[in-house]
Amino acid sequence: MPIVVRIDVELAKRKMSVGEFAERVGITPANVAVLKNGRAKAVRFNTLDAMCRVLHCQPGDLLEWVDDDDASAGAERGVGGEESP
């Protein structure tokens, strides 16, 4: 997927747990996990707004677009946490 979610990076910077983050944003820890693991198909703007408010960051700090070609090349080289077949 060309959109990479960087919530884990922002949480680590702030030493904030997933549970605390979920509670403050108003979503379940399971939904935070779906976002963090890249399984989300969409994010509502009001949820993105709440995440940015809680983390005092910009949407671009949480979401990054990655070119499919770059992502595929990285996966073939074993870069980015994905293993090649």
PDB file of N, CA and C in Angstrom:
ATOM      1  N   MET A   1       0.848  -1.176   0.000  1.00  0.00           N
ATOM      2  CA  MET A   1       0.000   0.000   0.000  1.00  0.00           C
ATOM      3  C   MET A   1       0.890   1.235   0.000  1.00  0.00           C
ATOM      4  N   PRO A   2       0.579   2.218  -0.800  1.00  0.00           N
ATOM      5  CA  PRO A   2       1.449   3.389  -0.890  1.00  0.00           C
ATOM      6  C   PRO A   2       1.332   4.360   0.281  1.00  0.00           C
ATOM      7  N   ILE A   3       0.352   4.218   1.172  1.00  0.00           N
ATOM      8  CA  ILE A   3       0.250   5.085   2.348  1.00  0.00           C
ATOM      9  C   ILE A   3       0.745   4.302   3.564  1.00  0.00           C
ATOM     10  N   VAL A   4       1.758   4.837   4.225  1.00  0.00           N
ATOM     11  CA  VAL A   4       2.326   4.198   5.410  1.00  0.00           C
ATOM     12  C   VAL A   4       1.904   5.014   6.629  1.00  0.00           C
ATOM     13  N   VAL A   5       1.406   4.337   7.643  1.00  0.00           N
ATOM     14  CA  VAL A   5       0.955   5.003   8.866  1.00  0.00           C
ATOM     15  C   VAL A   5       2.094   4.970   9.874  1.00  0.00           C
ATOM     16  N   ARG A   6       2.426   6.129  10.429  1.00  0.00           N
ATOM     17  CA  ARG A   6       3.561   6.277  11.339  1.00  0.00           C
ATOM     18  C   ARG A   6       3.128   6.592  12.776  1.00  0.00           C
ATOM     19  N   ILE A   7       1.970   6.090  13.180  1.00  0.00           N
ATOM     20  CA  ILE A   7       1.482   6.350  14.534  1.00  0.00           C
ATOM     21  C   ILE A   7       2.473   5.829  15.565  1.00  0.00           C
ATOM     22  N   ASP A   8       3.040   4.646  15.313  1.00  0.00           N
ATOM     23  CA  ASP A   8       3.962   4.060  16.281  1.00  0.00           C
ATOM     24  C   ASP A   8       5.163   4.952  16.553  1.00  0.00           C
ATOM     25  N   VAL A   9       5.650   5.639  15.522  1.00  0.00           N
ATOM     26  CA  VAL A   9       6.778   6.553  15.690  1.00  0.00           C
ATOM     27  C   VAL A   9       6.402   7.714  16.599  1.00  0.00           C
ATOM     28  N   GLU A  10       5.229   8.291  16.347  1.00  0.00           N
ATOM     29  CA  GLU A  10       4.788   9.434  17.150  1.00  0.00           C
ATOM     30  C   GLU A  10       4.476   9.017  18.590  1.00  0.00           C
ATOM     31  N   LEU A  11       3.921   7.830  18.767  1.00  0.00           N
ATOM     32  CA  LEU A  11       3.659   7.344  20.117  1.00  0.00           C
ATOM     33  C   LEU A  11       4.977   7.119  20.869  1.00  0.00           C
ATOM     34  N   ALA A  12       5.950   6.554  20.196  1.00  0.00           N
ATOM     35  CA  ALA A  12       7.246   6.302  20.836  1.00  0.00           C
ATOM     36  C   ALA A  12       7.929   7.612  21.232  1.00  0.00           C
ATOM     37  N   LYS A  13       7.847   8.627  20.379  1.00  0.00           N
ATOM     38  CA  LYS A  13       8.449   9.924  20.690  1.00  0.00           C
ATOM     39  C   LYS A  13       7.871  10.505  21.970  1.00  0.00           C
ATOM     40  N   ARG A  14       6.589  10.226  22.205  1.00  0.00           N
ATOM     41  CA  ARG A  14       5.893  10.807  23.350  1.00  0.00           C
ATOM     42  C   ARG A  14       5.781   9.829  24.520  1.00  0.00           C
ATOM     43  N   LYS A  15       6.345   8.626  24.325  1.00  0.00           N
ATOM     44  CA  LYS A  15       6.262   7.574  25.350  1.00  0.00           C
ATOM     45  C   LYS A  15       4.814   7.362  25.794  1.00  0.00           C
ATOM     46  N   MET A  16       3.929   7.319  24.802  1.00  0.00           N
ATOM     47  CA  MET A  16       2.499   7.145  25.060  1.00  0.00           C
ATOM     48  C   MET A  16       2.097   5.731  24.659  1.00  0.00           C
ATOM     49  N   SER A  17       1.307   5.079  25.503  1.00  0.00           N
ATOM     50  CA  SER A  17       0.847   3.727  25.195  1.00  0.00           C
ATOM     51  C   SER A  17      -0.303   3.764  24.196  1.00  0.00           C
ATOM     52  N   VAL A  18      -0.507   2.650  23.531  1.00  0.00           N
ATOM     53  CA  VAL A  18      -1.624   2.522  22.596  1.00  0.00           C
ATOM     54  C   VAL A  18      -2.943   2.712  23.340  1.00  0.00           C
ATOM     55  N   GLY A  19      -3.040   2.149  24.530  1.00  0.00           N
ATOM     56  CA  GLY A  19      -4.270   2.271  25.309  1.00  0.00           C
ATOM     57  C   GLY A  19      -4.601   3.709  25.662  1.00  0.00           C
ATOM     58  N   GLU A  20      -3.586   4.457  26.122  1.00  0.00           N
ATOM     59  CA  GLU A  20      -3.796   5.869  26.456  1.00  0.00           C
ATOM     60  C   GLU A  20      -4.174   6.660  25.207  1.00  0.00           C
ATOM     61  N   PHE A  21      -3.453   6.408  24.120  1.00  0.00           N
ATOM     62  CA  PHE A  21      -3.737   7.092  22.863  1.00  0.00           C
ATOM     63  C   PHE A  21      -5.163   6.819  22.411  1.00  0.00           C
ATOM     64  N   ALA A  22      -5.557   5.547  22.406  1.00  0.00           N
ATOM     65  CA  ALA A  22      -6.905   5.161  21.971  1.00  0.00           C
ATOM     66  C   ALA A  22      -7.969   5.854  22.810  1.00  0.00           C
ATOM     67  N   GLU A  23      -7.761   5.861  24.122  1.00  0.00           N
ATOM     68  CA  GLU A  23      -8.740   6.490  25.013  1.00  0.00           C
ATOM     69  C   GLU A  23      -8.851   7.986  24.746  1.00  0.00           C
ATOM     70  N   ARG A  24      -7.717   8.652  24.596  1.00  0.00           N
ATOM     71  CA  ARG A  24      -7.725  10.097  24.383  1.00  0.00           C
ATOM     72  C   ARG A  24      -8.300  10.475  23.021  1.00  0.00           C
ATOM     73  N   VAL A  25      -8.088   9.619  22.000  1.00  0.00           N
ATOM     74  CA  VAL A  25      -8.612   9.887  20.655  1.00  0.00           C
ATOM     75  C   VAL A  25     -10.090   9.528  20.574  1.00  0.00           C
ATOM     76  N   GLY A  26     -10.500   8.507  21.335  1.00  0.00           N
ATOM     77  CA  GLY A  26     -11.890   8.072  21.286  1.00  0.00           C
ATOM     78  C   GLY A  26     -12.122   6.918  20.339  1.00  0.00           C
ATOM     79  N   ILE A  27     -11.088   6.089  20.137  1.00  0.00           N
ATOM     80  CA  ILE A  27     -11.224   4.886  19.311  1.00  0.00           C
ATOM     81  C   ILE A  27     -10.740   3.702  20.142  1.00  0.00           C
ATOM     82  N   THR A  28     -11.009   2.497  19.672  1.00  0.00           N
ATOM     83  CA  THR A  28     -10.600   1.313  20.416  1.00  0.00           C
ATOM     84  C   THR A  28      -9.123   1.005  20.158  1.00  0.00           C
ATOM     85  N   PRO A  29      -8.462   0.339  21.113  1.00  0.00           N
ATOM     86  CA  PRO A  29      -7.083  -0.095  20.861  1.00  0.00           C
ATOM     87  C   PRO A  29      -6.982  -1.007  19.632  1.00  0.00           C
ATOM     88  N   ALA A  30      -8.027  -1.789  19.382  1.00  0.00           N
ATOM     89  CA  ALA A  30      -8.033  -2.657  18.195  1.00  0.00           C
ATOM     90  C   ALA A  30      -7.986  -1.820  16.912  1.00  0.00           C
ATOM     91  N   ASN A  31      -8.702  -0.697  16.895  1.00  0.00           N
ATOM     92  CA  ASN A  31      -8.667   0.165  15.708  1.00  0.00           C
ATOM     93  C   ASN A  31      -7.325   0.869  15.565  1.00  0.00           C
ATOM     94  N   VAL A  32      -6.679   1.183  16.672  1.00  0.00           N
ATOM     95  CA  VAL A  32      -5.322   1.741  16.605  1.00  0.00           C
ATOM     96  C   VAL A  32      -4.396   0.703  15.968  1.00  0.00           C
ATOM     97  N   ALA A  33      -4.543  -0.545  16.372  1.00  0.00           N
ATOM     98  CA  ALA A  33      -3.719  -1.618  15.804  1.00  0.00           C
ATOM     99  C   ALA A  33      -3.953  -1.759  14.304  1.00  0.00           C
ATOM    100  N   VAL A  34      -5.205  -1.664  13.882  1.00  0.00           N
ATOM    101  CA  VAL A  34      -5.521  -1.741  12.446  1.00  0.00           C
ATOM    102  C   VAL A  34      -4.817  -0.614  11.692  1.00  0.00           C
ATOM    103  N   LEU A  35      -4.830   0.581  12.254  1.00  0.00           N
ATOM    104  CA  LEU A  35      -4.145   1.711  11.632  1.00  0.00           C
ATOM    105  C   LEU A  35      -2.635   1.485  11.602  1.00  0.00           C
ATOM    106  N   LYS A  36      -2.066   1.112  12.748  1.00  0.00           N
ATOM    107  CA  LYS A  36      -0.618   0.935  12.862  1.00  0.00           C
ATOM    108  C   LYS A  36      -0.096  -0.145  11.927  1.00  0.00           C
ATOM    109  N   ASN A  37      -0.879  -1.196  11.736  1.00  0.00           N
ATOM    110  CA  ASN A  37      -0.428  -2.319  10.916  1.00  0.00           C
ATOM    111  C   ASN A  37      -0.734  -2.156   9.435  1.00  0.00           C
ATOM    112  N   GLY A  38      -1.282  -1.006   9.056  1.00  0.00           N
ATOM    113  CA  GLY A  38      -1.528  -0.736   7.647  1.00  0.00           C
ATOM    114  C   GLY A  38      -2.714  -1.480   7.068  1.00  0.00           C
ATOM    115  N   ARG A  39      -3.614  -1.963   7.918  1.00  0.00           N
ATOM    116  CA  ARG A  39      -4.776  -2.701   7.422  1.00  0.00           C
ATOM    117  C   ARG A  39      -6.001  -1.823   7.235  1.00  0.00           C
ATOM    118  N   ALA A  40      -5.923  -0.560   7.627  1.00  0.00           N
ATOM    119  CA  ALA A  40      -7.064   0.346   7.489  1.00  0.00           C
ATOM    120  C   ALA A  40      -7.269   0.707   6.023  1.00  0.00           C
ATOM    121  N   LYS A  41      -8.513   0.775   5.623  1.00  0.00           N
ATOM    122  CA  LYS A  41      -8.849   1.183   4.255  1.00  0.00           C
ATOM    123  C   LYS A  41      -9.169   2.667   4.179  1.00  0.00           C
ATOM    124  N   ALA A  42      -9.476   3.277   5.331  1.00  0.00           N
ATOM    125  CA  ALA A  42      -9.836   4.694   5.364  1.00  0.00           C
ATOM    126  C   ALA A  42      -9.656   5.223   6.783  1.00  0.00           C
ATOM    127  N   VAL A  43      -9.532   6.539   6.874  1.00  0.00           N
ATOM    128  CA  VAL A  43      -9.487   7.217   8.164  1.00  0.00           C
ATOM    129  C   VAL A  43     -10.395   8.431   8.045  1.00  0.00           C
ATOM    130  N   ARG A  44     -11.320   8.561   8.957  1.00  0.00           N
ATOM    131  CA  ARG A  44     -12.202   9.728   8.941  1.00  0.00           C
ATOM    132  C   ARG A  44     -11.407  10.960   9.338  1.00  0.00           C
ATOM    133  N   PHE A  45     -11.763  12.083   8.734  1.00  0.00           N
ATOM    134  CA  PHE A  45     -11.067  13.326   9.053  1.00  0.00           C
ATOM    135  C   PHE A  45     -11.218  13.695  10.523  1.00  0.00           C
ATOM    136  N   ASN A  46     -12.380  13.420  11.118  1.00  0.00           N
ATOM    137  CA  ASN A  46     -12.526  13.761  12.536  1.00  0.00           C
ATOM    138  C   ASN A  46     -11.628  12.885  13.408  1.00  0.00           C
ATOM    139  N   THR A  47     -11.371  11.638  12.996  1.00  0.00           N
ATOM    140  CA  THR A  47     -10.433  10.775  13.716  1.00  0.00           C
ATOM    141  C   THR A  47      -9.008  11.271  13.523  1.00  0.00           C
ATOM    142  N   LEU A  48      -8.657  11.636  12.298  1.00  0.00           N
ATOM    143  CA  LEU A  48      -7.325  12.179  12.026  1.00  0.00           C
ATOM    144  C   LEU A  48      -7.110  13.468  12.814  1.00  0.00           C
ATOM    145  N   ASP A  49      -8.128  14.304  12.873  1.00  0.00           N
ATOM    146  CA  ASP A  49      -8.068  15.535  13.652  1.00  0.00           C
ATOM    147  C   ASP A  49      -7.798  15.229  15.122  1.00  0.00           C
ATOM    148  N   ALA A  50      -8.528  14.266  15.672  1.00  0.00           N
ATOM    149  CA  ALA A  50      -8.351  13.895  17.084  1.00  0.00           C
ATOM    150  C   ALA A  50      -6.952  13.333  17.326  1.00  0.00           C
ATOM    151  N   MET A  51      -6.447  12.518  16.408  1.00  0.00           N
ATOM    152  CA  MET A  51      -5.098  11.965  16.568  1.00  0.00           C
ATOM    153  C   MET A  51      -4.056  13.077  16.573  1.00  0.00           C
ATOM    154  N   CYS A  52      -4.214  14.034  15.665  1.00  0.00           N
ATOM    155  CA  CYS A  52      -3.271  15.153  15.601  1.00  0.00           C
ATOM    156  C   CYS A  52      -3.352  16.032  16.845  1.00  0.00           C
ATOM    157  N   ARG A  53      -4.556  16.236  17.357  1.00  0.00           N
ATOM    158  CA  ARG A  53      -4.728  17.036  18.585  1.00  0.00           C
ATOM    159  C   ARG A  53      -4.043  16.355  19.768  1.00  0.00           C
ATOM    160  N   VAL A  54      -4.253  15.050  19.907  1.00  0.00           N
ATOM    161  CA  VAL A  54      -3.674  14.306  21.025  1.00  0.00           C
ATOM    162  C   VAL A  54      -2.149  14.291  20.938  1.00  0.00           C
ATOM    163  N   LEU A  55      -1.623  14.108  19.724  1.00  0.00           N
ATOM    164  CA  LEU A  55      -0.174  13.995  19.552  1.00  0.00           C
ATOM    165  C   LEU A  55       0.507  15.337  19.260  1.00  0.00           C
ATOM    166  N   HIS A  56      -0.290  16.403  19.122  1.00  0.00           N
ATOM    167  CA  HIS A  56       0.253  17.729  18.787  1.00  0.00           C
ATOM    168  C   HIS A  56       1.164  17.631  17.564  1.00  0.00           C
ATOM    169  N   CYS A  57       0.585  17.093  16.472  1.00  0.00           N
ATOM    170  CA  CYS A  57       1.360  16.910  15.249  1.00  0.00           C
ATOM    171  C   CYS A  57       0.504  17.249  14.035  1.00  0.00           C
ATOM    172  N   GLN A  58       1.094  17.164  12.874  1.00  0.00           N
ATOM    173  CA  GLN A  58       0.417  17.388  11.609  1.00  0.00           C
ATOM    174  C   GLN A  58       0.058  16.044  10.977  1.00  0.00           C
ATOM    175  N   PRO A  59      -0.968  15.994  10.117  1.00  0.00           N
ATOM    176  CA  PRO A  59      -1.322  14.735   9.454  1.00  0.00           C
ATOM    177  C   PRO A  59      -0.127  14.083   8.742  1.00  0.00           C
ATOM    178  N   GLY A  60       0.741  14.897   8.183  1.00  0.00           N
ATOM    179  CA  GLY A  60       1.923  14.367   7.498  1.00  0.00           C
ATOM    180  C   GLY A  60       2.909  13.677   8.418  1.00  0.00           C
ATOM    181  N   ASP A  61       2.797  13.937   9.720  1.00  0.00           N
ATOM    182  CA  ASP A  61       3.636  13.219  10.681  1.00  0.00           C
ATOM    183  C   ASP A  61       3.119  11.803  10.908  1.00  0.00           C
ATOM    184  N   LEU A  62       1.844  11.586  10.622  1.00  0.00           N
ATOM    185  CA  LEU A  62       1.210  10.286  10.844  1.00  0.00           C
ATOM    186  C   LEU A  62       1.085   9.456   9.574  1.00  0.00           C
ATOM    187  N   LEU A  63       0.976  10.117   8.436  1.00  0.00           N
ATOM    188  CA  LEU A  63       0.756   9.434   7.163  1.00  0.00           C
ATOM    189  C   LEU A  63       1.846   9.806   6.174  1.00  0.00           C
ATOM    190  N   GLU A  64       2.372   8.803   5.491  1.00  0.00           N
ATOM    191  CA  GLU A  64       3.413   9.046   4.489  1.00  0.00           C
ATOM    192  C   GLU A  64       3.063   8.288   3.219  1.00  0.00           C
ATOM    193  N   TRP A  65       3.144   8.972   2.090  1.00  0.00           N
ATOM    194  CA  TRP A  65       2.928   8.315   0.810  1.00  0.00           C
ATOM    195  C   TRP A  65       4.257   7.747   0.331  1.00  0.00           C
ATOM    196  N   VAL A  66       4.231   6.468  -0.088  1.00  0.00           N
ATOM    197  CA  VAL A  66       5.424   5.812  -0.611  1.00  0.00           C
ATOM    198  C   VAL A  66       5.083   5.286  -1.992  1.00  0.00           C
ATOM    199  N   ASP A  67       5.919   5.597  -2.963  1.00  0.00           N
ATOM    200  CA  ASP A  67       5.718   5.132  -4.329  1.00  0.00           C
ATOM    201  C   ASP A  67       5.690   3.607  -4.359  1.00  0.00           C
ATOM    202  N   ASP A  68       4.702   3.027  -5.056  1.00  0.00           N
ATOM    203  CA  ASP A  68       4.603   1.568  -5.156  1.00  0.00           C
ATOM    204  C   ASP A  68       5.881   0.948  -5.692  1.00  0.00           C
ATOM    205  N   ASP A  69       6.524   1.595  -6.657  1.00  0.00           N
ATOM    206  CA  ASP A  69       7.761   1.072  -7.222  1.00  0.00           C
ATOM    207  C   ASP A  69       8.851   1.008  -6.166  1.00  0.00           C
ATOM    208  N   ASP A  70       8.951   2.045  -5.342  1.00  0.00           N
ATOM    209  CA  ASP A  70       9.951   2.068  -4.273  1.00  0.00           C
ATOM    210  C   ASP A  70       9.647   1.005  -3.230  1.00  0.00           C
ATOM    211  N   ALA A  71       8.370   0.853  -2.893  1.00  0.00           N
ATOM    212  CA  ALA A  71       7.979  -0.142  -1.904  1.00  0.00           C
ATOM    213  C   ALA A  71       8.257  -1.551  -2.410  1.00  0.00           C
ATOM    214  N   SER A  72       7.979  -1.800  -3.689  1.00  0.00           N
ATOM    215  CA  SER A  72       8.227  -3.117  -4.267  1.00  0.00           C
ATOM    216  C   SER A  72       9.710  -3.427  -4.314  1.00  0.00           C
ATOM    217  N   ALA A  73      10.505  -2.445  -4.690  1.00  0.00           N
ATOM    218  CA  ALA A  73      11.956  -2.641  -4.749  1.00  0.00           C
ATOM    219  C   ALA A  73      12.502  -2.928  -3.355  1.00  0.00           C
ATOM    220  N   GLY A  74      11.991  -2.233  -2.354  1.00  0.00           N
ATOM    221  CA  GLY A  74      12.431  -2.452  -0.979  1.00  0.00           C
ATOM    222  C   GLY A  74      12.062  -3.840  -0.492  1.00  0.00           C
ATOM    223  N   ALA A  75      10.879  -4.313  -0.861  1.00  0.00           N
ATOM    224  CA  ALA A  75      10.438  -5.642  -0.438  1.00  0.00           C
ATOM    225  C   ALA A  75      11.304  -6.719  -1.077  1.00  0.00           C
ATOM    226  N   GLU A  76      11.692  -6.512  -2.341  1.00  0.00           N
ATOM    227  CA  GLU A  76      12.543  -7.488  -3.016  1.00  0.00           C
ATOM    228  C   GLU A  76      13.915  -7.569  -2.380  1.00  0.00           C
ATOM    229  N   ARG A  77      14.393  -6.439  -1.839  1.00  0.00           N
ATOM    230  CA  ARG A  77      15.707  -6.412  -1.194  1.00  0.00           C
ATOM    231  C   ARG A  77      15.602  -6.785   0.286  1.00  0.00           C
ATOM    232  N   GLY A  78      14.366  -7.014   0.765  1.00  0.00           N
ATOM    233  CA  GLY A  78      14.179  -7.330   2.170  1.00  0.00           C
ATOM    234  C   GLY A  78      14.222  -6.110   3.043  1.00  0.00           C
ATOM    235  N   VAL A  79      13.948  -4.934   2.484  1.00  0.00           N
ATOM    236  CA  VAL A  79      13.960  -3.675   3.213  1.00  0.00           C
ATOM    237  C   VAL A  79      12.543  -3.331   3.631  1.00  0.00           C
ATOM    238  N   GLY A  80      12.383  -2.699   4.779  1.00  0.00           N
ATOM    239  CA  GLY A  80      11.083  -2.207   5.193  1.00  0.00           C
ATOM    240  C   GLY A  80      10.248  -3.210   5.958  1.00  0.00           C
ATOM    241  N   GLY A  81      10.879  -4.279   6.437  1.00  0.00           N
ATOM    242  CA  GLY A  81      10.151  -5.218   7.265  1.00  0.00           C
ATOM    243  C   GLY A  81       9.382  -6.258   6.488  1.00  0.00           C
ATOM    244  N   GLU A  82       9.411  -6.186   5.158  1.00  0.00           N
ATOM    245  CA  GLU A  82       8.722  -7.182   4.352  1.00  0.00           C
ATOM    246  C   GLU A  82       9.746  -8.153   3.792  1.00  0.00           C
ATOM    247  N   GLU A  83       9.381  -9.404   3.774  1.00  0.00           N
ATOM    248  CA  GLU A  83      10.299 -10.408   3.242  1.00  0.00           C
ATOM    249  C   GLU A  83       9.932 -10.705   1.806  1.00  0.00           C
ATOM    250  N   SER A  84      10.954 -10.956   1.015  1.00  0.00           N
ATOM    251  CA  SER A  84      10.690 -11.346  -0.374  1.00  0.00           C
ATOM    252  C   SER A  84      10.331 -12.824  -0.404  1.00  0.00           C
ATOM    253  N   PRO A  85       9.532 -13.233  -1.403  1.00  0.00           N
ATOM    254  CA  PRO A  85       9.091 -14.644  -1.473  1.00  0.00           C
ATOM    255  C   PRO A  85      10.216 -15.606  -1.732  1.00  0.00           C
TER     256      PRO A  85
END
